[in-house]
Amino acid sequence: MTDQSPASLSHIEVLDILQSMKNDELNIEAKEMIREGGKVGRQDAHKKAIVALHNAFEKNFVEAVTLALGLNAGQAKKIKYKKDRIRILKVRGIDYMAIDGAETAQVLSQVAQAILREDAVVTSDLHNIFPFWKAGWPMVQFDNAYAILEDDIDIHYKLVIEKLIENSR
């Protein structure tokens, strides 16, 4: 984004920035981690890549929504949480849960949180999200989980941007 505040941008400038955000690549840092992981650290690299993908998605998502809806700092902080995300977007006429991939964003958030806070143990919320994950057991096959999440979150991000552009017109 630019160094200007969203309030100082014209409507056309906001739309231009949102259009350019459709080309954002959320997986750049994640791909680098995977490349550096090599064969020996393949699963660990994919585990770190999932967290990096989540961070990139959240950063870009918050930036896009804040810009498109002209959110203040307090609202921008709240948009990170699912219930507030749904509520804030609904007030602006956007049904977040109807956007394809909204559940994927929630799963990605839960997986990243479990990796960081639960020592990569499958929580009850993540039980059977992937056929190879069972509650209480360590997460496995991070490479497969990453591949699925990466594709789905990219689609979701682009659809969110499209919805924000539609809503801004």
Protein backbone atom coordinates (compact mmCIF):
# COMPACT_ATOMS: atom_id res chain seq x y z
CA MET A 1 0.00 0.00 0.00
CA THR A 2 1.04 3.60 -0.24
CA ASP A 3 2.31 5.81 2.56
CA GLN A 4 -0.89 7.84 2.37
CA SER A 5 -3.76 7.20 4.75
CA PRO A 6 -6.82 5.56 3.19
CA ALA A 7 -8.87 8.67 3.97
CA SER A 8 -6.61 10.84 1.79
CA LEU A 9 -7.00 8.61 -1.27
CA SER A 10 -9.62 9.26 -3.91
CA HIS A 11 -12.19 6.62 -4.79
CA ILE A 12 -10.38 5.92 -8.08
CA GLU A 13 -7.03 5.53 -6.29
CA VAL A 14 -8.58 3.04 -3.86
CA LEU A 15 -10.02 1.02 -6.74
CA ASP A 16 -6.65 1.07 -8.54
CA ILE A 17 -4.87 -0.19 -5.43
CA LEU A 18 -7.47 -2.93 -4.93
CA GLN A 19 -7.12 -3.96 -8.60
CA SER A 20 -3.36 -4.23 -8.17
CA MET A 21 -3.84 -6.24 -4.96
CA LYS A 22 -5.55 -8.98 -7.00
CA ASN A 23 -2.05 -9.75 -8.29
CA ASP A 24 -0.56 -10.16 -4.79
CA GLU A 25 1.30 -13.41 -4.32
CA LEU A 26 0.70 -14.62 -0.80
CA ASN A 27 3.09 -17.55 -1.03
CA ILE A 28 6.43 -15.87 -1.82
CA GLU A 29 7.92 -16.24 1.68
CA ALA A 30 6.36 -19.68 2.10
CA LYS A 31 7.87 -20.95 -1.17
CA GLU A 32 11.27 -19.65 -0.10
CA MET A 33 11.01 -21.55 3.19
CA ILE A 34 10.12 -24.74 1.33
CA ARG A 35 13.04 -24.29 -1.08
CA GLU A 36 15.46 -23.77 1.80
CA GLY A 37 14.06 -26.75 3.71
CA GLY A 38 15.41 -29.34 1.30
CA LYS A 39 14.44 -33.00 1.44
CA VAL A 40 15.60 -33.58 5.00
CA GLY A 41 13.53 -30.76 6.50
CA ARG A 42 10.61 -31.09 4.11
CA GLN A 43 7.84 -31.42 6.71
CA ASP A 44 9.31 -28.79 9.02
CA ALA A 45 9.70 -26.39 6.09
CA HIS A 46 6.08 -26.91 5.08
CA LYS A 47 4.98 -26.38 8.67
CA LYS A 48 6.77 -23.00 8.71
CA ALA A 49 5.38 -22.24 5.24
CA ILE A 50 1.80 -22.70 6.50
CA VAL A 51 2.43 -20.11 9.22
CA ALA A 52 4.04 -17.74 6.69
CA LEU A 53 1.11 -18.19 4.29
CA HIS A 54 -1.32 -17.39 7.10
CA ASN A 55 0.62 -14.27 8.07
CA ALA A 56 0.79 -13.05 4.47
CA PHE A 57 -2.93 -13.65 3.93
CA GLU A 58 -3.93 -11.85 7.13
CA LYS A 59 -1.65 -8.89 6.46
CA ASN A 60 -2.91 -8.44 2.90
CA PHE A 61 -6.54 -9.14 3.84
CA VAL A 62 -6.54 -6.55 6.62
CA GLU A 63 -4.82 -4.02 4.36
CA ALA A 64 -7.35 -4.54 1.55
CA VAL A 65 -10.43 -4.43 3.78
CA THR A 66 -9.14 -1.42 5.71
CA LEU A 67 -8.47 0.43 2.47
CA ALA A 68 -11.72 -0.53 0.74
CA LEU A 69 -14.01 0.15 3.69
CA GLY A 70 -12.08 3.07 5.19
CA LEU A 71 -11.78 1.36 8.56
CA ASN A 72 -10.25 3.12 11.55
CA ALA A 73 -7.37 1.57 13.52
CA GLY A 74 -9.68 -0.13 16.04
CA GLN A 75 -11.80 -1.71 13.33
CA ALA A 76 -8.66 -2.79 11.45
CA LYS A 77 -7.51 -4.68 14.56
CA LYS A 78 -10.89 -6.33 14.99
CA ILE A 79 -11.11 -7.49 11.36
CA LYS A 80 -8.52 -10.14 12.25
CA TYR A 81 -11.11 -12.08 14.28
CA LYS A 82 -13.72 -14.22 12.53
CA LYS A 83 -16.82 -12.90 14.31
CA ASP A 84 -15.76 -9.28 13.92
CA ARG A 85 -14.74 -9.90 10.31
CA ILE A 86 -18.19 -11.24 9.53
CA ARG A 87 -19.94 -8.44 11.42
CA ILE A 88 -17.89 -5.54 10.01
CA LEU A 89 -18.21 -6.76 6.43
CA LYS A 90 -21.94 -7.49 6.84
CA VAL A 91 -22.57 -3.90 7.98
CA ARG A 92 -20.92 -2.80 4.71
CA GLY A 93 -23.13 -5.15 2.64
CA ILE A 94 -20.69 -8.04 2.19
CA ASP A 95 -21.61 -11.56 3.31
CA TYR A 96 -18.13 -12.83 4.15
CA MET A 97 -19.19 -16.42 4.75
CA ALA A 98 -20.76 -16.55 1.27
CA ILE A 99 -17.38 -15.84 -0.33
CA ASP A 100 -15.82 -19.09 -1.51
CA GLY A 101 -12.97 -20.09 0.77
CA ALA A 102 -14.09 -18.29 3.94
CA GLU A 103 -13.93 -21.59 5.80
CA THR A 104 -10.44 -22.19 4.38
CA ALA A 105 -9.30 -18.89 5.89
CA GLN A 106 -10.62 -20.07 9.25
CA VAL A 107 -8.90 -23.46 8.89
CA LEU A 108 -5.62 -21.80 7.88
CA SER A 109 -5.85 -19.59 10.96
CA GLN A 110 -6.56 -22.56 13.24
CA VAL A 111 -3.73 -24.62 11.72
CA ALA A 112 -1.24 -21.76 12.11
CA GLN A 113 -2.39 -21.23 15.69
CA ALA A 114 -2.06 -24.96 16.47
CA ILE A 115 1.46 -25.00 15.01
CA LEU A 116 2.51 -21.99 17.07
CA ARG A 117 0.63 -22.61 20.32
CA GLU A 118 -0.23 -26.31 20.45
CA ASP A 119 3.10 -27.79 19.29
CA ALA A 120 1.44 -28.88 16.03
CA VAL A 121 -1.04 -31.18 17.74
CA VAL A 122 -4.41 -31.55 16.00
CA THR A 123 -7.06 -29.72 18.01
CA SER A 124 -10.68 -30.88 18.18
CA ASP A 125 -11.64 -28.12 15.71
CA LEU A 126 -9.19 -29.54 13.16
CA HIS A 127 -10.15 -33.20 13.63
CA ASN A 128 -10.66 -34.74 10.17
CA ILE A 129 -10.15 -31.42 8.35
CA PHE A 130 -7.64 -33.48 6.41
CA PRO A 131 -8.20 -37.25 6.29
CA PHE A 132 -4.80 -37.81 7.87
CA TRP A 133 -5.42 -35.63 10.97
CA LYS A 134 -6.96 -36.93 14.18
CA ALA A 135 -7.60 -34.88 17.34
CA GLY A 136 -4.88 -35.17 19.95
CA TRP A 137 -2.29 -36.55 17.53
CA PRO A 138 0.61 -34.62 16.00
CA MET A 139 -0.08 -33.01 12.65
CA VAL A 140 1.36 -34.96 9.74
CA GLN A 141 1.77 -34.50 6.00
CA PHE A 142 2.32 -30.77 6.18
CA ASP A 143 3.29 -30.79 2.51
CA ASN A 144 -0.17 -32.05 1.48
CA ALA A 145 -1.94 -29.71 3.89
CA TYR A 146 0.10 -26.76 2.61
CA ALA A 147 -0.67 -27.54 -1.04
CA ILE A 148 -4.41 -27.65 -0.36
CA LEU A 149 -4.44 -24.54 1.81
CA GLU A 150 -2.23 -22.54 -0.56
CA ASP A 151 -4.51 -23.07 -3.56
CA ASP A 152 -7.71 -22.41 -1.64
CA ILE A 153 -6.50 -19.32 0.21
CA ASP A 154 -5.23 -17.76 -3.02
CA ILE A 155 -8.67 -18.22 -4.61
CA HIS A 156 -10.37 -16.86 -1.49
CA TYR A 157 -8.12 -13.80 -1.34
CA LYS A 158 -8.81 -12.92 -4.99
CA LEU A 159 -12.56 -13.35 -4.47
CA VAL A 160 -12.48 -11.10 -1.40
CA ILE A 161 -10.69 -8.42 -3.42
CA GLU A 162 -13.29 -8.79 -6.20
CA LYS A 163 -16.11 -8.42 -3.65
CA LEU A 164 -14.46 -5.33 -2.16
CA ILE A 165 -14.11 -3.80 -5.65
CA GLU A 166 -17.76 -4.59 -6.45
CA ASN A 167 -18.84 -3.07 -3.16
CA SER A 168 -16.76 0.07 -3.78
CA ARG A 169 -18.38 0.91 -7.09
